[in-house]
Amino acid sequence: MAFSMASEIKRDLISQRTKEPLLTEKKAGVRLGRSKGVEKSKLDKFRPEIEALLANGFTQKFIARRYGMMETNLSRWLKNHSLH
């Protein structure tokens, strides 16, 4: 029970130390988090290769592994660039 209480106190302190600076930044007008909008993807430079792989029947799973990313990210990139 003592370990449980100690871990709760530690968790609360960490949470407080994280939230306070974020609130300060937010009040100062700093935009927090990931920027919105379309940004360049690391796949953009490989577009011709990816199109060729898709045309030759390779799976999205294979292509995603080849370029070191998750299959869902590749699928989203293909959808955004009208490729299938």
C-alpha atoms as a PDB file:
ATOM      1  CA  MET A   1       0.000   0.000   0.000  1.00  0.00           C
ATOM      2  CA  ALA A   2       2.863   2.363   0.763  1.00  0.00           C
ATOM      3  CA  PHE A   3       4.382   1.732  -2.676  1.00  0.00           C
ATOM      4  CA  SER A   4       1.024   2.428  -4.269  1.00  0.00           C
ATOM      5  CA  MET A   5       0.728   5.774  -2.492  1.00  0.00           C
ATOM      6  CA  ALA A   6       4.297   6.699  -3.367  1.00  0.00           C
ATOM      7  CA  SER A   7       3.755   5.933  -7.026  1.00  0.00           C
ATOM      8  CA  GLU A   8       0.538   8.002  -7.069  1.00  0.00           C
ATOM      9  CA  ILE A   9       2.345  10.967  -5.512  1.00  0.00           C
ATOM     10  CA  LYS A  10       5.180  10.619  -8.007  1.00  0.00           C
ATOM     11  CA  ARG A  11       2.718  10.447 -10.917  1.00  0.00           C
ATOM     12  CA  ASP A  12       0.914  13.566  -9.699  1.00  0.00           C
ATOM     13  CA  LEU A  13       4.190  15.492  -9.343  1.00  0.00           C
ATOM     14  CA  ILE A  14       5.277  14.547 -12.858  1.00  0.00           C
ATOM     15  CA  SER A  15       1.898  15.567 -14.227  1.00  0.00           C
ATOM     16  CA  GLN A  16       2.071  18.911 -12.443  1.00  0.00           C
ATOM     17  CA  ARG A  17       5.637  19.579 -13.673  1.00  0.00           C
ATOM     18  CA  THR A  18       4.492  18.885 -17.230  1.00  0.00           C
ATOM     19  CA  LYS A  19       1.243  20.862 -17.188  1.00  0.00           C
ATOM     20  CA  GLU A  20       2.592  24.077 -15.649  1.00  0.00           C
ATOM     21  CA  PRO A  21       5.126  24.887 -18.405  1.00  0.00           C
ATOM     22  CA  LEU A  22       2.571  23.991 -21.082  1.00  0.00           C
ATOM     23  CA  LEU A  23       0.051  26.418 -19.592  1.00  0.00           C
ATOM     24  CA  THR A  24       2.725  29.119 -19.426  1.00  0.00           C
ATOM     25  CA  GLU A  25       3.591  28.572 -23.085  1.00  0.00           C
ATOM     26  CA  LYS A  26      -0.064  28.586 -24.080  1.00  0.00           C
ATOM     27  CA  LYS A  27      -0.698  31.865 -22.226  1.00  0.00           C
ATOM     28  CA  ALA A  28       2.319  33.363 -24.014  1.00  0.00           C
ATOM     29  CA  GLY A  29       0.645  32.569 -27.336  1.00  0.00           C
ATOM     30  CA  VAL A  30       2.841  29.699 -28.437  1.00  0.00           C
ATOM     31  CA  ARG A  31       1.028  27.151 -30.586  1.00  0.00           C
ATOM     32  CA  LEU A  32       1.402  23.743 -29.017  1.00  0.00           C
ATOM     33  CA  GLY A  33       1.440  20.428 -30.807  1.00  0.00           C
ATOM     34  CA  ARG A  34       1.955  19.387 -34.360  1.00  0.00           C
ATOM     35  CA  SER A  35       1.382  21.971 -37.054  1.00  0.00           C
ATOM     36  CA  LYS A  36      -1.709  21.597 -39.192  1.00  0.00           C
ATOM     37  CA  GLY A  37      -1.831  21.379 -42.940  1.00  0.00           C
ATOM     38  CA  VAL A  38      -0.083  19.504 -45.672  1.00  0.00           C
ATOM     39  CA  GLU A  39       3.626  19.143 -45.169  1.00  0.00           C
ATOM     40  CA  LYS A  40       6.186  17.332 -47.222  1.00  0.00           C
ATOM     41  CA  SER A  41       6.383  13.657 -46.564  1.00  0.00           C
ATOM     42  CA  LYS A  42       9.544  11.608 -46.687  1.00  0.00           C
ATOM     43  CA  LEU A  43       7.757   9.504 -49.311  1.00  0.00           C
ATOM     44  CA  ASP A  44       7.400  12.381 -51.779  1.00  0.00           C
ATOM     45  CA  LYS A  45      10.902  11.848 -53.156  1.00  0.00           C
ATOM     46  CA  PHE A  46      10.169   8.131 -53.684  1.00  0.00           C
ATOM     47  CA  ARG A  47       6.876   8.651 -55.540  1.00  0.00           C
ATOM     48  CA  PRO A  48       8.105   7.264 -58.919  1.00  0.00           C
ATOM     49  CA  GLU A  49       9.485   4.168 -57.199  1.00  0.00           C
ATOM     50  CA  ILE A  50       6.292   3.637 -55.209  1.00  0.00           C
ATOM     51  CA  GLU A  51       4.158   4.012 -58.335  1.00  0.00           C
ATOM     52  CA  ALA A  52       6.329   1.422 -60.087  1.00  0.00           C
ATOM     53  CA  LEU A  53       6.103  -0.988 -57.153  1.00  0.00           C
ATOM     54  CA  LEU A  54       2.311  -0.653 -57.067  1.00  0.00           C
ATOM     55  CA  ALA A  55       2.111  -1.165 -60.842  1.00  0.00           C
ATOM     56  CA  ASN A  56       4.165  -4.354 -60.488  1.00  0.00           C
ATOM     57  CA  GLY A  57       1.768  -5.735 -57.885  1.00  0.00           C
ATOM     58  CA  PHE A  58       3.725  -5.257 -54.677  1.00  0.00           C
ATOM     59  CA  THR A  59       1.614  -4.955 -51.536  1.00  0.00           C
ATOM     60  CA  GLN A  60       1.318  -1.838 -49.436  1.00  0.00           C
ATOM     61  CA  LYS A  61       2.739  -3.818 -46.535  1.00  0.00           C
ATOM     62  CA  PHE A  62       5.898  -4.591 -48.525  1.00  0.00           C
ATOM     63  CA  ILE A  63       6.269  -0.968 -49.668  1.00  0.00           C
ATOM     64  CA  ALA A  64       5.744   0.385 -46.146  1.00  0.00           C
ATOM     65  CA  ARG A  65       8.424  -1.899 -44.743  1.00  0.00           C
ATOM     66  CA  ARG A  66      10.785  -0.974 -47.567  1.00  0.00           C
ATOM     67  CA  TYR A  67      10.558   2.715 -46.639  1.00  0.00           C
ATOM     68  CA  GLY A  68      10.497   2.160 -42.872  1.00  0.00           C
ATOM     69  CA  MET A  69       6.991   3.268 -42.038  1.00  0.00           C
ATOM     70  CA  MET A  70       3.667   1.929 -40.861  1.00  0.00           C
ATOM     71  CA  GLU A  71       1.255   0.569 -43.437  1.00  0.00           C
ATOM     72  CA  THR A  72      -1.448   2.997 -42.261  1.00  0.00           C
ATOM     73  CA  ASN A  73       0.818   5.981 -42.936  1.00  0.00           C
ATOM     74  CA  LEU A  74       1.571   4.712 -46.426  1.00  0.00           C
ATOM     75  CA  SER A  75      -2.117   4.124 -47.064  1.00  0.00           C
ATOM     76  CA  ARG A  76      -2.933   7.687 -45.982  1.00  0.00           C
ATOM     77  CA  TRP A  77      -0.139   9.062 -48.184  1.00  0.00           C
ATOM     78  CA  LEU A  78      -1.428   7.072 -51.171  1.00  0.00           C
ATOM     79  CA  LYS A  79      -4.965   8.343 -50.574  1.00  0.00           C
ATOM     80  CA  ASN A  80      -3.780  11.982 -50.286  1.00  0.00           C
ATOM     81  CA  HIS A  81      -1.854  11.650 -53.565  1.00  0.00           C
ATOM     82  CA  SER A  82      -4.638   9.775 -55.380  1.00  0.00           C
ATOM     83  CA  LEU A  83      -2.568   6.626 -55.818  1.00  0.00           C
ATOM     84  CA  HIS A  84      -3.843   3.088 -55.354  1.00  0.00           C
END
